[in-house]
Amino acid sequence: MSNHATIRRLTLEIEKIHRGQFPSFREIQDFLNSHGFKISDRTLERDFESPMLQLYCNRKK
């Protein structure tokens, strides 16, 4: 996957977290699927380990 697509996917994940009240992994994955990103459970787990999402999640606390 290109860097642009990865950044877009991470941005969508942040958007879903920002809009939802603690969405589940499945809700986030369904949201990504509706935007054309068909990813595995493990990819979503890796995304949540990424510095970009860690920074956002820590900022929201």
N, C-alpha and C. Protein backbone atom coordinates (compact mmCIF):
# COMPACT_ATOMS: atom_id res chain seq x y z
N MET A 1 0.85 -1.17 0.00
CA MET A 1 0.00 0.00 0.00
C MET A 1 0.90 1.24 0.00
N SER A 2 0.52 2.23 -0.77
CA SER A 2 1.31 3.46 -0.86
C SER A 2 1.25 4.25 0.45
N ASN A 3 2.21 5.13 0.63
CA ASN A 3 2.21 5.99 1.82
C ASN A 3 0.95 6.85 1.87
N HIS A 4 0.52 7.33 0.72
CA HIS A 4 -0.68 8.16 0.66
C HIS A 4 -1.89 7.37 1.16
N ALA A 5 -2.04 6.14 0.71
CA ALA A 5 -3.17 5.31 1.12
C ALA A 5 -3.10 4.99 2.62
N THR A 6 -1.91 4.74 3.12
CA THR A 6 -1.75 4.45 4.55
C THR A 6 -2.14 5.66 5.39
N ILE A 7 -1.67 6.83 4.98
CA ILE A 7 -2.01 8.05 5.71
C ILE A 7 -3.51 8.32 5.63
N ARG A 8 -4.10 8.08 4.49
CA ARG A 8 -5.55 8.26 4.34
C ARG A 8 -6.31 7.32 5.27
N ARG A 9 -5.86 6.05 5.33
CA ARG A 9 -6.51 5.08 6.20
C ARG A 9 -6.39 5.50 7.66
N LEU A 10 -5.21 5.93 8.08
CA LEU A 10 -5.01 6.37 9.47
C LEU A 10 -5.87 7.60 9.77
N THR A 11 -5.99 8.49 8.80
CA THR A 11 -6.83 9.67 8.98
C THR A 11 -8.30 9.28 9.17
N LEU A 12 -8.75 8.31 8.39
CA LEU A 12 -10.12 7.83 8.55
C LEU A 12 -10.33 7.19 9.92
N GLU A 13 -9.33 6.47 10.40
CA GLU A 13 -9.43 5.86 11.73
C GLU A 13 -9.56 6.94 12.81
N ILE A 14 -8.76 7.98 12.69
CA ILE A 14 -8.83 9.09 13.65
C ILE A 14 -10.20 9.76 13.56
N GLU A 15 -10.69 9.94 12.35
CA GLU A 15 -12.02 10.55 12.16
C GLU A 15 -13.09 9.73 12.87
N LYS A 16 -13.04 8.42 12.70
CA LYS A 16 -14.05 7.55 13.32
C LYS A 16 -13.94 7.61 14.85
N ILE A 17 -12.74 7.61 15.37
CA ILE A 17 -12.55 7.69 16.82
C ILE A 17 -13.06 9.04 17.32
N HIS A 18 -12.76 10.08 16.59
CA HIS A 18 -13.16 11.43 17.00
C HIS A 18 -14.68 11.57 17.02
N ARG A 19 -15.36 10.99 16.04
CA ARG A 19 -16.81 11.13 15.93
C ARG A 19 -17.58 10.17 16.83
N GLY A 20 -17.01 8.98 17.08
CA GLY A 20 -17.72 7.96 17.84
C GLY A 20 -17.37 8.00 19.32
N GLN A 21 -18.24 7.42 20.11
CA GLN A 21 -17.97 7.29 21.53
C GLN A 21 -17.31 5.93 21.75
N PHE A 22 -16.00 5.90 21.70
CA PHE A 22 -15.23 4.67 21.87
C PHE A 22 -15.70 3.56 20.93
N PRO A 23 -15.57 3.76 19.61
CA PRO A 23 -16.01 2.73 18.67
C PRO A 23 -15.19 1.45 18.83
N SER A 24 -15.80 0.32 18.57
CA SER A 24 -15.10 -0.96 18.65
C SER A 24 -14.20 -1.12 17.42
N PHE A 25 -13.29 -2.08 17.50
CA PHE A 25 -12.44 -2.38 16.35
C PHE A 25 -13.32 -2.73 15.15
N ARG A 26 -14.37 -3.51 15.38
CA ARG A 26 -15.25 -3.93 14.29
C ARG A 26 -15.93 -2.71 13.65
N GLU A 27 -16.37 -1.76 14.45
CA GLU A 27 -17.00 -0.55 13.91
C GLU A 27 -16.00 0.25 13.07
N ILE A 28 -14.78 0.34 13.55
CA ILE A 28 -13.74 1.05 12.79
C ILE A 28 -13.44 0.31 11.50
N GLN A 29 -13.33 -1.02 11.59
CA GLN A 29 -13.05 -1.81 10.39
C GLN A 29 -14.18 -1.69 9.38
N ASP A 30 -15.43 -1.73 9.84
CA ASP A 30 -16.57 -1.54 8.93
C ASP A 30 -16.55 -0.16 8.28
N PHE A 31 -16.20 0.86 9.06
CA PHE A 31 -16.09 2.22 8.55
C PHE A 31 -15.02 2.29 7.44
N LEU A 32 -13.88 1.66 7.69
CA LEU A 32 -12.82 1.63 6.68
C LEU A 32 -13.26 0.87 5.44
N ASN A 33 -13.94 -0.25 5.63
CA ASN A 33 -14.45 -1.02 4.48
C ASN A 33 -15.38 -0.17 3.63
N SER A 34 -16.21 0.64 4.27
CA SER A 34 -17.15 1.48 3.52
C SER A 34 -16.43 2.57 2.73
N HIS A 35 -15.17 2.82 3.08
CA HIS A 35 -14.36 3.80 2.34
C HIS A 35 -13.32 3.12 1.44
N GLY A 36 -13.50 1.82 1.20
CA GLY A 36 -12.65 1.11 0.24
C GLY A 36 -11.38 0.50 0.82
N PHE A 37 -11.23 0.48 2.14
CA PHE A 37 -10.06 -0.12 2.76
C PHE A 37 -10.45 -1.44 3.40
N LYS A 38 -10.11 -2.52 2.75
CA LYS A 38 -10.38 -3.86 3.28
C LYS A 38 -9.10 -4.35 3.94
N ILE A 39 -9.07 -4.27 5.26
CA ILE A 39 -7.85 -4.62 5.99
C ILE A 39 -8.14 -5.73 7.00
N SER A 40 -7.07 -6.42 7.38
CA SER A 40 -7.19 -7.51 8.35
C SER A 40 -7.25 -6.95 9.77
N ASP A 41 -7.65 -7.82 10.69
CA ASP A 41 -7.66 -7.43 12.10
C ASP A 41 -6.27 -7.02 12.55
N ARG A 42 -5.26 -7.76 12.10
CA ARG A 42 -3.88 -7.47 12.51
C ARG A 42 -3.43 -6.12 11.98
N THR A 43 -3.81 -5.75 10.76
CA THR A 43 -3.44 -4.44 10.23
C THR A 43 -4.04 -3.33 11.08
N LEU A 44 -5.28 -3.50 11.50
CA LEU A 44 -5.91 -2.51 12.35
C LEU A 44 -5.19 -2.43 13.70
N GLU A 45 -4.79 -3.57 14.24
CA GLU A 45 -4.02 -3.58 15.49
C GLU A 45 -2.71 -2.82 15.31
N ARG A 46 -2.02 -3.06 14.19
CA ARG A 46 -0.76 -2.35 13.93
C ARG A 46 -0.99 -0.85 13.81
N ASP A 47 -2.10 -0.48 13.16
CA ASP A 47 -2.41 0.94 13.03
C ASP A 47 -2.53 1.60 14.40
N PHE A 48 -3.16 0.89 15.35
CA PHE A 48 -3.32 1.46 16.69
C PHE A 48 -2.01 1.51 17.46
N GLU A 49 -1.03 0.77 16.99
CA GLU A 49 0.30 0.84 17.58
C GLU A 49 1.17 1.91 16.92
N SER A 50 0.66 2.51 15.84
CA SER A 50 1.44 3.50 15.09
C SER A 50 1.58 4.79 15.89
N PRO A 51 2.70 5.48 15.72
CA PRO A 51 2.91 6.75 16.44
C PRO A 51 1.84 7.79 16.15
N MET A 52 1.33 7.84 14.92
CA MET A 52 0.32 8.84 14.57
C MET A 52 -0.94 8.66 15.41
N LEU A 53 -1.44 7.43 15.51
CA LEU A 53 -2.65 7.20 16.30
C LEU A 53 -2.37 7.29 17.79
N GLN A 54 -1.20 6.86 18.21
CA GLN A 54 -0.84 6.97 19.63
C GLN A 54 -0.84 8.44 20.05
N LEU A 55 -0.26 9.29 19.22
CA LEU A 55 -0.22 10.72 19.53
C LEU A 55 -1.63 11.29 19.63
N TYR A 56 -2.50 10.94 18.69
CA TYR A 56 -3.86 11.45 18.72
C TYR A 56 -4.61 10.95 19.94
N CYS A 57 -4.51 9.66 20.22
CA CYS A 57 -5.25 9.08 21.35
C CYS A 57 -4.75 9.65 22.67
N ASN A 58 -3.47 9.87 22.81
CA ASN A 58 -2.92 10.45 24.03
C ASN A 58 -3.37 11.91 24.20
N ARG A 59 -3.52 12.60 23.10
CA ARG A 59 -3.94 14.00 23.13
C ARG A 59 -5.39 14.13 23.57
N LYS A 60 -6.22 13.14 23.24
CA LYS A 60 -7.64 13.18 23.57
C LYS A 60 -7.92 12.96 25.05
N LYS A 61 -6.99 12.37 25.78
CA LYS A 61 -7.22 12.06 27.20
C LYS A 61 -7.38 13.29 28.04
